[in-house]
């Protein structure tokens, strides 16, 4: 299960009371909004509008830069942390 916990620009909870405000940071595990069942990626470099993420597929490392707006936090079932 994945929840969209991207930080909201507005703190006004009347926009969507079910959204949780969360500021992404290095070390967070994320997925692409367009592929929520895709690979879980770890943020290794955080810039103002983009982040660099790393992940593994079949023991092969990958690294890619993404816009913040294209990512959502990956929530792992059974985890007590986000």
C-alpha atoms as a PDB file:
ATOM      1  CA  UNK A   1       0.000   0.000   0.000  1.00  0.00           C
ATOM      2  CA  UNK A   2       1.295   3.466  -0.857  1.00  0.00           C
ATOM      3  CA  UNK A   3       0.074   6.791   0.471  1.00  0.00           C
ATOM      4  CA  UNK A   4       0.731  10.150  -1.099  1.00  0.00           C
ATOM      5  CA  UNK A   5       2.444  12.095   1.676  1.00  0.00           C
ATOM      6  CA  UNK A   6       4.078  14.826  -0.425  1.00  0.00           C
ATOM      7  CA  UNK A   7       4.442  18.114   1.408  1.00  0.00           C
ATOM      8  CA  UNK A   8       1.611  20.539   0.741  1.00  0.00           C
ATOM      9  CA  UNK A   9       2.437  24.139  -0.098  1.00  0.00           C
ATOM     10  CA  UNK A  10      -0.600  25.216   1.872  1.00  0.00           C
ATOM     11  CA  UNK A  11      -1.091  24.188   5.507  1.00  0.00           C
ATOM     12  CA  UNK A  12      -4.869  24.662   5.049  1.00  0.00           C
ATOM     13  CA  UNK A  13      -6.363  21.242   5.843  1.00  0.00           C
ATOM     14  CA  UNK A  14      -9.718  22.296   4.338  1.00  0.00           C
ATOM     15  CA  UNK A  15      -8.217  21.646   0.880  1.00  0.00           C
ATOM     16  CA  UNK A  16      -8.013  17.915   1.582  1.00  0.00           C
ATOM     17  CA  UNK A  17      -8.338  16.788   5.211  1.00  0.00           C
ATOM     18  CA  UNK A  18      -6.956  13.337   4.351  1.00  0.00           C
ATOM     19  CA  UNK A  19      -3.602  14.624   3.084  1.00  0.00           C
ATOM     20  CA  UNK A  20      -0.703  14.461   5.501  1.00  0.00           C
ATOM     21  CA  UNK A  21       1.983  17.115   5.244  1.00  0.00           C
ATOM     22  CA  UNK A  22       5.438  15.551   4.993  1.00  0.00           C
ATOM     23  CA  UNK A  23       8.714  17.108   3.852  1.00  0.00           C
ATOM     24  CA  UNK A  24      10.850  14.637   1.879  1.00  0.00           C
ATOM     25  CA  UNK A  25      14.474  14.279   2.954  1.00  0.00           C
ATOM     26  CA  UNK A  26      17.572  12.243   2.179  1.00  0.00           C
ATOM     27  CA  UNK A  27      17.110   8.631   3.254  1.00  0.00           C
ATOM     28  CA  UNK A  28      13.354   8.529   2.570  1.00  0.00           C
ATOM     29  CA  UNK A  29      12.023   5.626   0.508  1.00  0.00           C
ATOM     30  CA  UNK A  30       9.829   6.755  -2.400  1.00  0.00           C
ATOM     31  CA  UNK A  31       8.128   5.487  -5.555  1.00  0.00           C
ATOM     32  CA  UNK A  32       7.008   7.196  -8.734  1.00  0.00           C
ATOM     33  CA  UNK A  33       3.401   8.405  -8.660  1.00  0.00           C
ATOM     34  CA  UNK A  34       3.007   6.983 -12.163  1.00  0.00           C
ATOM     35  CA  UNK A  35       4.283   3.547 -11.033  1.00  0.00           C
ATOM     36  CA  UNK A  36       3.234   3.063  -7.399  1.00  0.00           C
ATOM     37  CA  UNK A  37       4.064  -0.645  -7.605  1.00  0.00           C
ATOM     38  CA  UNK A  38       7.453   0.078  -9.187  1.00  0.00           C
ATOM     39  CA  UNK A  39      10.812  -0.123  -7.440  1.00  0.00           C
ATOM     40  CA  UNK A  40      11.254   1.439  -4.031  1.00  0.00           C
ATOM     41  CA  UNK A  41      13.949   4.112  -4.317  1.00  0.00           C
ATOM     42  CA  UNK A  42      16.004   5.838  -1.637  1.00  0.00           C
ATOM     43  CA  UNK A  43      16.604   9.592  -1.849  1.00  0.00           C
ATOM     44  CA  UNK A  44      20.364  10.197  -1.682  1.00  0.00           C
ATOM     45  CA  UNK A  45      20.597  13.860  -2.751  1.00  0.00           C
ATOM     46  CA  UNK A  46      17.898  16.458  -2.100  1.00  0.00           C
ATOM     47  CA  UNK A  47      17.900  19.660  -4.187  1.00  0.00           C
ATOM     48  CA  UNK A  48      15.313  22.441  -4.240  1.00  0.00           C
ATOM     49  CA  UNK A  49      13.014  20.956  -6.935  1.00  0.00           C
ATOM     50  CA  UNK A  50      14.649  17.597  -7.648  1.00  0.00           C
ATOM     51  CA  UNK A  51      16.105  14.603  -5.855  1.00  0.00           C
ATOM     52  CA  UNK A  52      18.519  11.871  -6.857  1.00  0.00           C
ATOM     53  CA  UNK A  53      17.356   8.376  -6.023  1.00  0.00           C
ATOM     54  CA  UNK A  54      19.075   4.991  -5.985  1.00  0.00           C
ATOM     55  CA  UNK A  55      17.556   1.512  -6.190  1.00  0.00           C
ATOM     56  CA  UNK A  56      18.467  -2.021  -7.193  1.00  0.00           C
ATOM     57  CA  UNK A  57      16.952  -4.329  -9.781  1.00  0.00           C
ATOM     58  CA  UNK A  58      18.307  -7.880  -9.941  1.00  0.00           C
ATOM     59  CA  UNK A  59      21.330  -6.803  -7.847  1.00  0.00           C
ATOM     60  CA  UNK A  60      22.152  -4.070 -10.352  1.00  0.00           C
ATOM     61  CA  UNK A  61      22.345  -0.495  -8.949  1.00  0.00           C
ATOM     62  CA  UNK A  62      20.532   2.387 -10.644  1.00  0.00           C
ATOM     63  CA  UNK A  63      20.648   6.145 -10.001  1.00  0.00           C
ATOM     64  CA  UNK A  64      18.297   8.770 -11.469  1.00  0.00           C
ATOM     65  CA  UNK A  65      17.213  12.349 -10.846  1.00  0.00           C
ATOM     66  CA  UNK A  66      13.478  13.046 -10.435  1.00  0.00           C
ATOM     67  CA  UNK A  67      11.299  16.099  -9.890  1.00  0.00           C
ATOM     68  CA  UNK A  68       9.810  16.170  -6.405  1.00  0.00           C
ATOM     69  CA  UNK A  69       6.312  16.406  -7.841  1.00  0.00           C
ATOM     70  CA  UNK A  70       6.700  12.991  -9.524  1.00  0.00           C
ATOM     71  CA  UNK A  71       7.341  11.081  -6.278  1.00  0.00           C
ATOM     72  CA  UNK A  72       5.367   9.831  -3.319  1.00  0.00           C
ATOM     73  CA  UNK A  73       6.521   8.231  -0.094  1.00  0.00           C
ATOM     74  CA  UNK A  74       6.451   4.431  -0.146  1.00  0.00           C
ATOM     75  CA  UNK A  75       4.630   3.059   2.874  1.00  0.00           C
ATOM     76  CA  UNK A  76       5.681  -0.476   3.633  1.00  0.00           C
ATOM     77  CA  UNK A  77       2.939  -2.582   5.236  1.00  0.00           C
ATOM     78  CA  UNK A  78       3.986  -3.663   8.701  1.00  0.00           C
ATOM     79  CA  UNK A  79       6.350  -0.725   9.142  1.00  0.00           C
ATOM     80  CA  UNK A  80       5.818   1.584  12.089  1.00  0.00           C
ATOM     81  CA  UNK A  81       7.719   4.440  10.437  1.00  0.00           C
ATOM     82  CA  UNK A  82       7.080   6.634   7.409  1.00  0.00           C
END
